[in-house]
Amino acid sequence: MKARYCTFLFFAFLSFSCTKEIPSNLMLLDGNIPTDTPLVFGEGIISTDSYEFAITFSPEMNELYFTRRKRGEDNEIYTMKLVDGQWSNPEPTFFSATQGWDFEPHISPNGDKLYFGSTRPLNDTIKSSGLHQWYSKREAKGWSKPIPLEKPFADRSITMYLTSSEKGNVYFTTGEKGDKPEDWVIYKSIKKDGQYKSIDRMGKEINAAGKWVAHSYIAPDESYMIYDFKSDSGYGESDLYISFNKNGAWTKPYNLGPKINTDQTEMSASVSPDGKYLFFHRGYEKEGNIYWVDFNPIKGNILKNINMHQQ
């Protein structure tokens, strides 16, 4: 009898240990874990009375970067690191621009590159020639000195909010010569034989009717994309939408709904490397914070509705 009881306790403990969720490094930064209602992320630390947006994490979620714009100042990228179980205070990155400004960082899914947009002058030039993408490589001692993305990206005067997939394919916002900012849309560049040979405008399924189509976050496996644009059928200013990759064809964009989108601007989405949390900016023209929310129920409900209508 005693042996049976001990066996029961062992399996009960084993079952509990296997089902109990391992605390995320993010919980060491913000213990207010969101469910289906977005919460301000890192209130007073990351999200302050400045204007914060565009957050990205290393694959181990022990390093993060985000954009902060203090009142009356330019954009600047800040970083935090998890050291001995504690997150450091936010500090400007070592590569902060001395001319121009930097914003919208993105760490690649495998953690080997850190991309960001910058108005700093390109190599061997004195003045800025636009908003270009730069990147640093992960080395044994940390990140390398950043360099600009080569052609065909350098040929564009505007390239912003670049995110990448596990295959190295990149998605970003740009436009053609003469386009107004509200007419810029989402483009992609496929990596072939280790090189980017062309920049291609994505189809009408992604670049739907609307203004300010921008800030495309591509899933690591390229199964979905989250981005934002302003539409007459939306909830206010720019809303967040998701489109799914179905056997190589993109679905129309689906609004993430009234719990995510409000009469304010929602933009610059990203998803934590473990796939659990959606991060995004919410705010007005001169003030706003980074929010986070449980992502899987949102994605699951939209997919469920899509499948129901296809039956």
C-alpha atoms as a PDB file:
ATOM      1  CA  MET A   1       0.000   0.000   0.000  1.00  0.00           C
ATOM      2  CA  LYS A   2       2.801   2.359   0.960  1.00  0.00           C
ATOM      3  CA  ALA A   3       4.651   1.512  -2.258  1.00  0.00           C
ATOM      4  CA  ARG A   4       1.564   2.322  -4.337  1.00  0.00           C
ATOM      5  CA  TYR A   5       1.113   5.634  -2.528  1.00  0.00           C
ATOM      6  CA  CYS A   6       4.757   6.591  -3.115  1.00  0.00           C
ATOM      7  CA  THR A   7       4.430   5.623  -6.783  1.00  0.00           C
ATOM      8  CA  PHE A   8       1.329   7.811  -7.089  1.00  0.00           C
ATOM      9  CA  LEU A   9       3.138  10.782  -5.542  1.00  0.00           C
ATOM     10  CA  PHE A  10       6.093  10.304  -7.901  1.00  0.00           C
ATOM     11  CA  PHE A  11       3.935  10.331 -11.021  1.00  0.00           C
ATOM     12  CA  ALA A  12       1.844  13.221  -9.709  1.00  0.00           C
ATOM     13  CA  PHE A  13       5.034  15.234  -9.150  1.00  0.00           C
ATOM     14  CA  LEU A  14       6.377  14.229 -12.562  1.00  0.00           C
ATOM     15  CA  SER A  15       3.130  15.291 -14.230  1.00  0.00           C
ATOM     16  CA  PHE A  16       3.156  18.651 -12.441  1.00  0.00           C
ATOM     17  CA  SER A  17       6.806  19.235 -13.325  1.00  0.00           C
ATOM     18  CA  CYS A  18       6.159  18.514 -17.007  1.00  0.00           C
ATOM     19  CA  THR A  19       3.102  20.739 -17.275  1.00  0.00           C
ATOM     20  CA  LYS A  20       4.297  23.670 -15.184  1.00  0.00           C
ATOM     21  CA  GLU A  21       5.426  26.509 -17.399  1.00  0.00           C
ATOM     22  CA  ILE A  22       9.032  27.532 -17.033  1.00  0.00           C
ATOM     23  CA  PRO A  23       9.216  31.253 -16.158  1.00  0.00           C
ATOM     24  CA  SER A  24      10.355  33.407 -19.053  1.00  0.00           C
ATOM     25  CA  ASN A  25      13.225  35.867 -18.798  1.00  0.00           C
ATOM     26  CA  LEU A  26      10.617  38.495 -19.624  1.00  0.00           C
ATOM     27  CA  MET A  27       8.951  37.849 -16.274  1.00  0.00           C
ATOM     28  CA  LEU A  28      12.116  39.041 -14.566  1.00  0.00           C
ATOM     29  CA  LEU A  29      11.558  42.372 -16.291  1.00  0.00           C
ATOM     30  CA  ASP A  30       7.788  42.635 -15.969  1.00  0.00           C
ATOM     31  CA  GLY A  31       5.806  40.357 -13.663  1.00  0.00           C
ATOM     32  CA  ASN A  32       2.446  41.585 -14.961  1.00  0.00           C
ATOM     33  CA  ILE A  33       1.893  38.838 -17.505  1.00  0.00           C
ATOM     34  CA  PRO A  34      -0.814  39.703 -20.059  1.00  0.00           C
ATOM     35  CA  THR A  35      -3.607  37.439 -21.241  1.00  0.00           C
ATOM     36  CA  ASP A  36      -6.014  38.598 -23.948  1.00  0.00           C
ATOM     37  CA  THR A  37      -5.868  42.262 -22.921  1.00  0.00           C
ATOM     38  CA  PRO A  38      -2.686  44.179 -23.803  1.00  0.00           C
ATOM     39  CA  LEU A  39      -0.616  45.642 -20.969  1.00  0.00           C
ATOM     40  CA  VAL A  40       2.094  48.279 -21.002  1.00  0.00           C
ATOM     41  CA  PHE A  41       5.439  46.466 -21.129  1.00  0.00           C
ATOM     42  CA  GLY A  42       8.130  47.354 -18.614  1.00  0.00           C
ATOM     43  CA  GLU A  43       6.260  50.377 -17.314  1.00  0.00           C
ATOM     44  CA  GLY A  44       8.650  52.992 -15.963  1.00  0.00           C
ATOM     45  CA  ILE A  45      11.663  51.101 -17.337  1.00  0.00           C
ATOM     46  CA  ILE A  46      11.090  50.550 -21.050  1.00  0.00           C
ATOM     47  CA  SER A  47       7.759  52.339 -21.455  1.00  0.00           C
ATOM     48  CA  THR A  48       8.110  55.819 -19.995  1.00  0.00           C
ATOM     49  CA  ASP A  49       6.805  59.314 -20.680  1.00  0.00           C
ATOM     50  CA  SER A  50       8.967  59.283 -23.820  1.00  0.00           C
ATOM     51  CA  TYR A  51       7.869  57.732 -27.132  1.00  0.00           C
ATOM     52  CA  GLU A  52       8.859  54.035 -27.308  1.00  0.00           C
ATOM     53  CA  PHE A  53       8.339  51.557 -30.124  1.00  0.00           C
ATOM     54  CA  ALA A  54       9.886  48.698 -32.117  1.00  0.00           C
ATOM     55  CA  ILE A  55      11.272  46.147 -29.647  1.00  0.00           C
ATOM     56  CA  THR A  56      13.321  43.042 -30.505  1.00  0.00           C
ATOM     57  CA  PHE A  57      14.862  40.200 -28.491  1.00  0.00           C
ATOM     58  CA  SER A  58      17.781  37.811 -28.850  1.00  0.00           C
ATOM     59  CA  PRO A  59      16.740  34.147 -29.348  1.00  0.00           C
ATOM     60  CA  GLU A  60      17.594  33.400 -25.699  1.00  0.00           C
ATOM     61  CA  MET A  61      15.573  36.456 -24.616  1.00  0.00           C
ATOM     62  CA  ASN A  62      18.488  37.701 -22.520  1.00  0.00           C
ATOM     63  CA  GLU A  63      19.135  40.810 -24.606  1.00  0.00           C
ATOM     64  CA  LEU A  64      16.723  43.353 -26.038  1.00  0.00           C
ATOM     65  CA  TYR A  65      16.719  46.522 -28.116  1.00  0.00           C
ATOM     66  CA  PHE A  66      14.018  49.146 -28.629  1.00  0.00           C
ATOM     67  CA  THR A  67      13.548  52.679 -29.942  1.00  0.00           C
ATOM     68  CA  ARG A  68      13.019  55.651 -27.660  1.00  0.00           C
ATOM     69  CA  ARG A  69      12.353  59.221 -28.683  1.00  0.00           C
ATOM     70  CA  LYS A  70      12.554  61.683 -25.837  1.00  0.00           C
ATOM     71  CA  ARG A  71      10.565  64.882 -26.045  1.00  0.00           C
ATOM     72  CA  GLY A  72      12.257  67.338 -28.367  1.00  0.00           C
ATOM     73  CA  GLU A  73      14.956  64.825 -29.372  1.00  0.00           C
ATOM     74  CA  ASP A  74      15.598  62.357 -32.197  1.00  0.00           C
ATOM     75  CA  ASN A  75      15.049  58.608 -32.230  1.00  0.00           C
ATOM     76  CA  GLU A  76      17.660  56.499 -30.430  1.00  0.00           C
ATOM     77  CA  ILE A  77      18.065  52.753 -29.919  1.00  0.00           C
ATOM     78  CA  TYR A  78      18.380  51.526 -26.333  1.00  0.00           C
ATOM     79  CA  THR A  79      19.493  48.126 -25.085  1.00  0.00           C
ATOM     80  CA  MET A  80      19.162  45.978 -21.952  1.00  0.00           C
ATOM     81  CA  LYS A  81      20.871  42.725 -20.992  1.00  0.00           C
ATOM     82  CA  LEU A  82      20.084  39.978 -18.490  1.00  0.00           C
ATOM     83  CA  VAL A  83      23.106  39.503 -16.242  1.00  0.00           C
ATOM     84  CA  ASP A  84      23.134  37.156 -13.240  1.00  0.00           C
ATOM     85  CA  GLY A  85      19.364  36.993 -13.177  1.00  0.00           C
ATOM     86  CA  GLN A  86      18.818  40.750 -13.366  1.00  0.00           C
ATOM     87  CA  TRP A  87      18.084  43.055 -16.273  1.00  0.00           C
ATOM     88  CA  SER A  88      20.397  46.028 -16.703  1.00  0.00           C
ATOM     89  CA  ASN A  89      19.038  49.532 -17.001  1.00  0.00           C
ATOM     90  CA  PRO A  90      18.238  50.778 -20.524  1.00  0.00           C
ATOM     91  CA  GLU A  91      21.226  52.445 -22.141  1.00  0.00           C
ATOM     92  CA  PRO A  92      21.932  53.805 -25.641  1.00  0.00           C
ATOM     93  CA  THR A  93      23.693  51.268 -27.845  1.00  0.00           C
ATOM     94  CA  PHE A  94      27.433  51.427 -28.463  1.00  0.00           C
ATOM     95  CA  PHE A  95      26.761  52.236 -32.127  1.00  0.00           C
ATOM     96  CA  SER A  96      24.514  55.271 -31.548  1.00  0.00           C
ATOM     97  CA  ALA A  97      24.752  57.688 -34.455  1.00  0.00           C
ATOM     98  CA  THR A  98      26.841  60.820 -34.032  1.00  0.00           C
ATOM     99  CA  GLN A  99      25.214  62.220 -37.177  1.00  0.00           C
ATOM    100  CA  GLY A 100      21.565  61.517 -37.910  1.00  0.00           C
ATOM    101  CA  TRP A 101      19.579  59.023 -35.832  1.00  0.00           C
ATOM    102  CA  ASP A 102      18.838  55.301 -35.492  1.00  0.00           C
ATOM    103  CA  PHE A 103      15.617  53.397 -34.932  1.00  0.00           C
ATOM    104  CA  GLU A 104      13.626  50.158 -35.367  1.00  0.00           C
ATOM    105  CA  PRO A 105      16.123  47.415 -34.432  1.00  0.00           C
ATOM    106  CA  HIS A 106      15.607  43.762 -35.369  1.00  0.00           C
ATOM    107  CA  ILE A 107      17.605  40.710 -34.293  1.00  0.00           C
ATOM    108  CA  SER A 108      17.500  37.869 -36.836  1.00  0.00           C
ATOM    109  CA  PRO A 109      15.812  34.616 -35.701  1.00  0.00           C
ATOM    110  CA  ASN A 110      19.125  32.797 -35.287  1.00  0.00           C
ATOM    111  CA  GLY A 111      20.658  35.783 -33.495  1.00  0.00           C
ATOM    112  CA  ASP A 112      23.581  36.361 -35.853  1.00  0.00           C
ATOM    113  CA  LYS A 113      22.605  39.829 -37.138  1.00  0.00           C
ATOM    114  CA  LEU A 114      21.208  43.014 -35.648  1.00  0.00           C
ATOM    115  CA  TYR A 115      19.518  45.251 -38.220  1.00  0.00           C
ATOM    116  CA  PHE A 116      18.378  48.841 -37.731  1.00  0.00           C
ATOM    117  CA  GLY A 117      17.353  51.867 -39.734  1.00  0.00           C
ATOM    118  CA  SER A 118      19.518  54.966 -39.720  1.00  0.00           C
ATOM    119  CA  THR A 119      19.827  58.396 -41.293  1.00  0.00           C
ATOM    120  CA  ARG A 120      23.584  58.488 -40.618  1.00  0.00           C
ATOM    121  CA  PRO A 121      25.738  59.184 -43.690  1.00  0.00           C
ATOM    122  CA  LEU A 122      26.753  56.161 -45.712  1.00  0.00           C
ATOM    123  CA  ASN A 123      30.413  55.175 -45.913  1.00  0.00           C
ATOM    124  CA  ASP A 124      32.743  57.856 -47.274  1.00  0.00           C
ATOM    125  CA  THR A 125      29.977  60.463 -47.467  1.00  0.00           C
ATOM    126  CA  ILE A 126      29.468  63.658 -45.496  1.00  0.00           C
ATOM    127  CA  LYS A 127      25.706  64.109 -45.575  1.00  0.00           C
ATOM    128  CA  SER A 128      22.855  61.685 -45.114  1.00  0.00           C
ATOM    129  CA  SER A 129      21.372  60.333 -48.338  1.00  0.00           C
ATOM    130  CA  GLY A 130      18.197  59.007 -46.741  1.00  0.00           C
ATOM    131  CA  LEU A 131      16.994  56.304 -44.383  1.00  0.00           C
ATOM    132  CA  HIS A 132      19.020  53.133 -44.910  1.00  0.00           C
ATOM    133  CA  GLN A 133      19.354  49.747 -43.261  1.00  0.00           C
ATOM    134  CA  TRP A 134      22.509  48.911 -41.334  1.00  0.00           C
ATOM    135  CA  TYR A 135      23.519  45.744 -39.537  1.00  0.00           C
ATOM    136  CA  SER A 136      25.990  44.331 -37.049  1.00  0.00           C
ATOM    137  CA  LYS A 137      27.212  40.727 -36.905  1.00  0.00           C
ATOM    138  CA  ARG A 138      27.345  38.662 -33.742  1.00  0.00           C
ATOM    139  CA  GLU A 139      30.958  37.930 -32.882  1.00  0.00           C
ATOM    140  CA  ALA A 140      32.666  36.170 -29.985  1.00  0.00           C
ATOM    141  CA  LYS A 141      33.122  39.447 -28.090  1.00  0.00           C
ATOM    142  CA  GLY A 142      29.739  40.942 -28.992  1.00  0.00           C
ATOM    143  CA  TRP A 143      28.320  42.898 -31.914  1.00  0.00           C
ATOM    144  CA  SER A 144      30.569  44.145 -34.692  1.00  0.00           C
ATOM    145  CA  LYS A 145      30.768  47.719 -35.896  1.00  0.00           C
ATOM    146  CA  PRO A 146      27.645  48.240 -38.053  1.00  0.00           C
ATOM    147  CA  ILE A 147      27.850  48.539 -41.816  1.00  0.00           C
ATOM    148  CA  PRO A 148      25.138  49.489 -44.338  1.00  0.00           C
ATOM    149  CA  LEU A 149      23.287  46.842 -46.291  1.00  0.00           C
ATOM    150  CA  GLU A 150      24.764  46.651 -49.758  1.00  0.00           C
ATOM    151  CA  LYS A 151      22.986  46.813 -53.108  1.00  0.00           C
ATOM    152  CA  PRO A 152      20.175  46.554 -53.983  1.00  0.00           C
ATOM    153  CA  PHE A 153      19.127  48.124 -50.631  1.00  0.00           C
ATOM    154  CA  ALA A 154      21.600  51.008 -50.732  1.00  0.00           C
ATOM    155  CA  ASP A 155      20.050  52.199 -53.988  1.00  0.00           C
ATOM    156  CA  ARG A 156      16.848  53.091 -52.135  1.00  0.00           C
ATOM    157  CA  SER A 157      16.585  56.431 -50.366  1.00  0.00           C
ATOM    158  CA  ILE A 158      14.100  54.952 -47.878  1.00  0.00           C
ATOM    159  CA  THR A 159      14.174  51.455 -46.379  1.00  0.00           C
ATOM    160  CA  MET A 160      12.616  50.979 -42.963  1.00  0.00           C
ATOM    161  CA  TYR A 161      11.470  48.366 -40.448  1.00  0.00           C
ATOM    162  CA  LEU A 162      13.321  45.410 -41.878  1.00  0.00           C
ATOM    163  CA  THR A 163      12.629  41.988 -40.373  1.00  0.00           C
ATOM    164  CA  SER A 164      14.084  38.658 -41.438  1.00  0.00           C
ATOM    165  CA  SER A 165      13.153  34.982 -41.568  1.00  0.00           C
ATOM    166  CA  GLU A 166      15.114  31.858 -40.663  1.00  0.00           C
ATOM    167  CA  LYS A 167      16.079  31.543 -44.342  1.00  0.00           C
ATOM    168  CA  GLY A 168      17.482  35.066 -44.364  1.00  0.00           C
ATOM    169  CA  ASN A 169      14.690  36.505 -46.511  1.00  0.00           C
ATOM    170  CA  VAL A 170      13.917  40.097 -45.531  1.00  0.00           C
ATOM    171  CA  TYR A 171      10.716  42.142 -45.533  1.00  0.00           C
ATOM    172  CA  PHE A 172      10.577  45.918 -45.180  1.00  0.00           C
ATOM    173  CA  THR A 173       8.842  49.165 -46.110  1.00  0.00           C
ATOM    174  CA  THR A 174       9.926  51.274 -49.055  1.00  0.00           C
ATOM    175  CA  GLY A 175       8.556  53.026 -52.118  1.00  0.00           C
ATOM    176  CA  GLU A 176       9.365  54.025 -55.639  1.00  0.00           C
ATOM    177  CA  LYS A 177      10.862  57.354 -56.623  1.00  0.00           C
ATOM    178  CA  GLY A 178       8.223  60.067 -56.340  1.00  0.00           C
ATOM    179  CA  ASP A 179       5.969  58.122 -53.953  1.00  0.00           C
ATOM    180  CA  LYS A 180       4.527  60.010 -51.011  1.00  0.00           C
ATOM    181  CA  PRO A 181       5.197  58.483 -47.559  1.00  0.00           C
ATOM    182  CA  GLU A 182       1.560  57.408 -47.211  1.00  0.00           C
ATOM    183  CA  ASP A 183       1.955  55.432 -50.440  1.00  0.00           C
ATOM    184  CA  TRP A 184       5.003  53.418 -49.362  1.00  0.00           C
ATOM    185  CA  VAL A 185       4.237  49.712 -49.037  1.00  0.00           C
ATOM    186  CA  ILE A 186       5.855  46.397 -48.151  1.00  0.00           C
ATOM    187  CA  TYR A 187       8.586  44.798 -50.228  1.00  0.00           C
ATOM    188  CA  LYS A 188      10.693  41.683 -49.842  1.00  0.00           C
ATOM    189  CA  SER A 189      14.078  40.404 -50.930  1.00  0.00           C
ATOM    190  CA  ILE A 190      14.777  36.683 -51.173  1.00  0.00           C
ATOM    191  CA  LYS A 191      18.231  35.438 -50.260  1.00  0.00           C
ATOM    192  CA  LYS A 192      19.640  33.213 -52.995  1.00  0.00           C
ATOM    193  CA  ASP A 193      23.098  31.682 -52.897  1.00  0.00           C
ATOM    194  CA  GLY A 194      23.931  33.931 -49.977  1.00  0.00           C
ATOM    195  CA  GLN A 195      23.006  37.142 -51.815  1.00  0.00           C
ATOM    196  CA  TYR A 196      20.108  39.542 -52.264  1.00  0.00           C
ATOM    197  CA  LYS A 197      19.729  40.201 -55.959  1.00  0.00           C
ATOM    198  CA  SER A 198      16.412  42.028 -56.228  1.00  0.00           C
ATOM    199  CA  ILE A 199      13.791  43.953 -54.298  1.00  0.00           C
ATOM    200  CA  ASP A 200      10.215  42.958 -55.076  1.00  0.00           C
ATOM    201  CA  ARG A 201       6.970  44.634 -54.179  1.00  0.00           C
ATOM    202  CA  MET A 202       4.602  42.254 -52.425  1.00  0.00           C
ATOM    203  CA  GLY A 203       1.222  41.547 -53.992  1.00  0.00           C
ATOM    204  CA  LYS A 204      -2.139  43.177 -53.473  1.00  0.00           C
ATOM    205  CA  GLU A 205      -3.045  40.625 -50.801  1.00  0.00           C
ATOM    206  CA  ILE A 206      -0.482  42.263 -48.503  1.00  0.00           C
ATOM    207  CA  ASN A 207      -0.511  45.796 -49.858  1.00  0.00           C
ATOM    208  CA  ALA A 208      -4.259  46.119 -49.511  1.00  0.00           C
ATOM    209  CA  ALA A 209      -6.363  49.223 -49.896  1.00  0.00           C
ATOM    210  CA  GLY A 210      -5.200  51.637 -47.243  1.00  0.00           C
ATOM    211  CA  LYS A 211      -2.642  54.267 -46.379  1.00  0.00           C
ATOM    212  CA  TRP A 212       0.636  54.067 -44.494  1.00  0.00           C
ATOM    213  CA  VAL A 213       1.129  50.334 -45.139  1.00  0.00           C
ATOM    214  CA  ALA A 214       4.256  49.603 -43.098  1.00  0.00           C
ATOM    215  CA  HIS A 215       6.181  47.823 -40.340  1.00  0.00           C
ATOM    216  CA  SER A 216       6.015  44.223 -41.531  1.00  0.00           C
ATOM    217  CA  TYR A 217       7.012  41.610 -38.976  1.00  0.00           C
ATOM    218  CA  ILE A 218       7.667  38.296 -40.718  1.00  0.00           C
ATOM    219  CA  ALA A 219       7.362  35.060 -38.745  1.00  0.00           C
ATOM    220  CA  PRO A 220      10.645  33.130 -38.555  1.00  0.00           C
ATOM    221  CA  ASP A 221       9.145  30.349 -40.706  1.00  0.00           C
ATOM    222  CA  GLU A 222       7.351  32.900 -42.934  1.00  0.00           C
ATOM    223  CA  SER A 223       3.957  31.391 -42.043  1.00  0.00           C
ATOM    224  CA  TYR A 224       2.443  34.775 -41.204  1.00  0.00           C
ATOM    225  CA  MET A 225       3.111  38.493 -41.325  1.00  0.00           C
ATOM    226  CA  ILE A 226       1.890  41.213 -38.971  1.00  0.00           C
ATOM    227  CA  TYR A 227       1.877  44.787 -40.181  1.00  0.00           C
ATOM    228  CA  ASP A 228      -0.121  47.991 -39.904  1.00  0.00           C
ATOM    229  CA  PHE A 229      -2.008  50.417 -42.080  1.00  0.00           C
ATOM    230  CA  LYS A 230      -4.814  52.949 -41.894  1.00  0.00           C
ATOM    231  CA  SER A 231      -8.171  51.964 -43.340  1.00  0.00           C
ATOM    232  CA  ASP A 232     -11.652  53.462 -43.322  1.00  0.00           C
ATOM    233  CA  SER A 233     -12.890  50.149 -41.897  1.00  0.00           C
ATOM    234  CA  GLY A 234     -10.382  50.226 -39.018  1.00  0.00           C
ATOM    235  CA  TYR A 235     -10.807  51.307 -35.417  1.00  0.00           C
ATOM    236  CA  GLY A 236      -9.017  54.642 -35.613  1.00  0.00           C
ATOM    237  CA  GLU A 237      -5.557  55.497 -36.815  1.00  0.00           C
ATOM    238  CA  SER A 238      -3.262  52.721 -38.057  1.00  0.00           C
ATOM    239  CA  ASP A 239      -4.374  49.228 -36.984  1.00  0.00           C
ATOM    240  CA  LEU A 240      -2.472  45.951 -36.756  1.00  0.00           C
ATOM    241  CA  TYR A 241      -3.335  43.205 -39.256  1.00  0.00           C
ATOM    242  CA  ILE A 242      -2.166  39.661 -39.860  1.00  0.00           C
ATOM    243  CA  SER A 243      -1.862  37.765 -43.140  1.00  0.00           C
ATOM    244  CA  PHE A 244      -1.122  34.038 -43.426  1.00  0.00           C
ATOM    245  CA  ASN A 245       1.062  32.242 -45.922  1.00  0.00           C
ATOM    246  CA  LYS A 246      -1.014  29.353 -47.314  1.00  0.00           C
ATOM    247  CA  ASN A 247       1.211  27.176 -49.510  1.00  0.00           C
ATOM    248  CA  GLY A 248       3.020  30.190 -50.894  1.00  0.00           C
ATOM    249  CA  ALA A 249      -0.063  32.397 -51.319  1.00  0.00           C
ATOM    250  CA  TRP A 250      -0.799  35.174 -48.850  1.00  0.00           C
ATOM    251  CA  THR A 251      -4.299  35.636 -47.455  1.00  0.00           C
ATOM    252  CA  LYS A 252      -5.966  39.000 -47.215  1.00  0.00           C
ATOM    253  CA  PRO A 253      -5.054  40.932 -44.044  1.00  0.00           C
ATOM    254  CA  TYR A 254      -7.215  40.287 -40.972  1.00  0.00           C
ATOM    255  CA  ASN A 255      -7.658  43.006 -38.359  1.00  0.00           C
ATOM    256  CA  LEU A 256      -6.413  41.862 -34.938  1.00  0.00           C
ATOM    257  CA  GLY A 257      -9.602  43.153 -33.362  1.00  0.00           C
ATOM    258  CA  PRO A 258     -10.812  45.773 -30.847  1.00  0.00           C
ATOM    259  CA  LYS A 259      -8.772  44.489 -27.902  1.00  0.00           C
ATOM    260  CA  ILE A 260      -5.597  45.213 -29.840  1.00  0.00           C
ATOM    261  CA  ASN A 261      -6.642  48.113 -32.076  1.00  0.00           C
ATOM    262  CA  THR A 262      -8.124  51.331 -30.687  1.00  0.00           C
ATOM    263  CA  ASP A 263      -8.705  54.908 -31.791  1.00  0.00           C
ATOM    264  CA  GLN A 264      -4.968  55.430 -31.270  1.00  0.00           C
ATOM    265  CA  THR A 265      -2.123  54.317 -33.540  1.00  0.00           C
ATOM    266  CA  GLU A 266      -1.089  50.673 -33.226  1.00  0.00           C
ATOM    267  CA  MET A 267       2.064  49.819 -35.153  1.00  0.00           C
ATOM    268  CA  SER A 268       5.536  48.234 -35.204  1.00  0.00           C
ATOM    269  CA  ALA A 269       4.642  44.704 -34.144  1.00  0.00           C
ATOM    270  CA  SER A 270       7.033  41.918 -33.205  1.00  0.00           C
ATOM    271  CA  VAL A 271       6.664  38.524 -31.546  1.00  0.00           C
ATOM    272  CA  SER A 272       8.874  37.148 -28.786  1.00  0.00           C
ATOM    273  CA  PRO A 273      11.283  34.422 -29.956  1.00  0.00           C
ATOM    274  CA  ASP A 274       9.302  31.771 -28.065  1.00  0.00           C
ATOM    275  CA  GLY A 275       6.210  32.761 -30.042  1.00  0.00           C
ATOM    276  CA  LYS A 276       4.140  33.528 -26.942  1.00  0.00           C
ATOM    277  CA  TYR A 277       3.806  37.301 -26.848  1.00  0.00           C
ATOM    278  CA  LEU A 278       2.924  39.975 -29.359  1.00  0.00           C
ATOM    279  CA  PHE A 279       4.604  43.337 -28.799  1.00  0.00           C
ATOM    280  CA  PHE A 280       3.477  46.571 -30.437  1.00  0.00           C
ATOM    281  CA  HIS A 281       3.364  50.330 -30.069  1.00  0.00           C
ATOM    282  CA  ARG A 282       0.190  52.131 -29.065  1.00  0.00           C
ATOM    283  CA  GLY A 283      -0.060  55.884 -28.770  1.00  0.00           C
ATOM    284  CA  TYR A 284      -0.692  59.278 -30.265  1.00  0.00           C
ATOM    285  CA  GLU A 285       1.543  61.516 -32.340  1.00  0.00           C
ATOM    286  CA  LYS A 286       3.889  62.603 -29.549  1.00  0.00           C
ATOM    287  CA  GLU A 287       3.387  59.985 -26.843  1.00  0.00           C
ATOM    288  CA  GLY A 288       3.084  56.230 -26.746  1.00  0.00           C
ATOM    289  CA  ASN A 289       4.365  53.027 -25.202  1.00  0.00           C
ATOM    290  CA  ILE A 290       5.208  49.435 -25.997  1.00  0.00           C
ATOM    291  CA  TYR A 291       2.461  46.937 -25.138  1.00  0.00           C
ATOM    292  CA  TRP A 292       2.423  43.147 -24.962  1.00  0.00           C
ATOM    293  CA  VAL A 293      -0.334  40.541 -25.108  1.00  0.00           C
ATOM    294  CA  ASP A 294      -0.750  36.760 -25.262  1.00  0.00           C
ATOM    295  CA  PHE A 295      -0.369  36.076 -28.975  1.00  0.00           C
ATOM    296  CA  ASN A 296      -1.446  32.468 -29.563  1.00  0.00           C
ATOM    297  CA  PRO A 297      -5.166  32.936 -28.742  1.00  0.00           C
ATOM    298  CA  ILE A 298      -5.327  35.891 -31.141  1.00  0.00           C
ATOM    299  CA  LYS A 299      -3.695  33.972 -33.962  1.00  0.00           C
ATOM    300  CA  GLY A 300      -5.688  30.822 -33.174  1.00  0.00           C
ATOM    301  CA  ASN A 301      -9.059  32.559 -33.242  1.00  0.00           C
ATOM    302  CA  ILE A 302      -8.371  34.225 -36.576  1.00  0.00           C
ATOM    303  CA  LEU A 303      -7.199  30.939 -38.109  1.00  0.00           C
ATOM    304  CA  LYS A 304     -10.291  29.213 -36.715  1.00  0.00           C
ATOM    305  CA  ASN A 305     -12.566  31.783 -38.346  1.00  0.00           C
ATOM    306  CA  ILE A 306     -10.691  31.457 -41.656  1.00  0.00           C
ATOM    307  CA  ASN A 307     -11.080  27.677 -41.639  1.00  0.00           C
ATOM    308  CA  MET A 308     -14.776  27.890 -40.744  1.00  0.00           C
ATOM    309  CA  HIS A 309     -15.474  30.132 -43.731  1.00  0.00           C
ATOM    310  CA  GLN A 310     -13.534  27.832 -46.039  1.00  0.00           C
ATOM    311  CA  GLN A 311     -15.646  24.801 -45.150  1.00  0.00           C
END
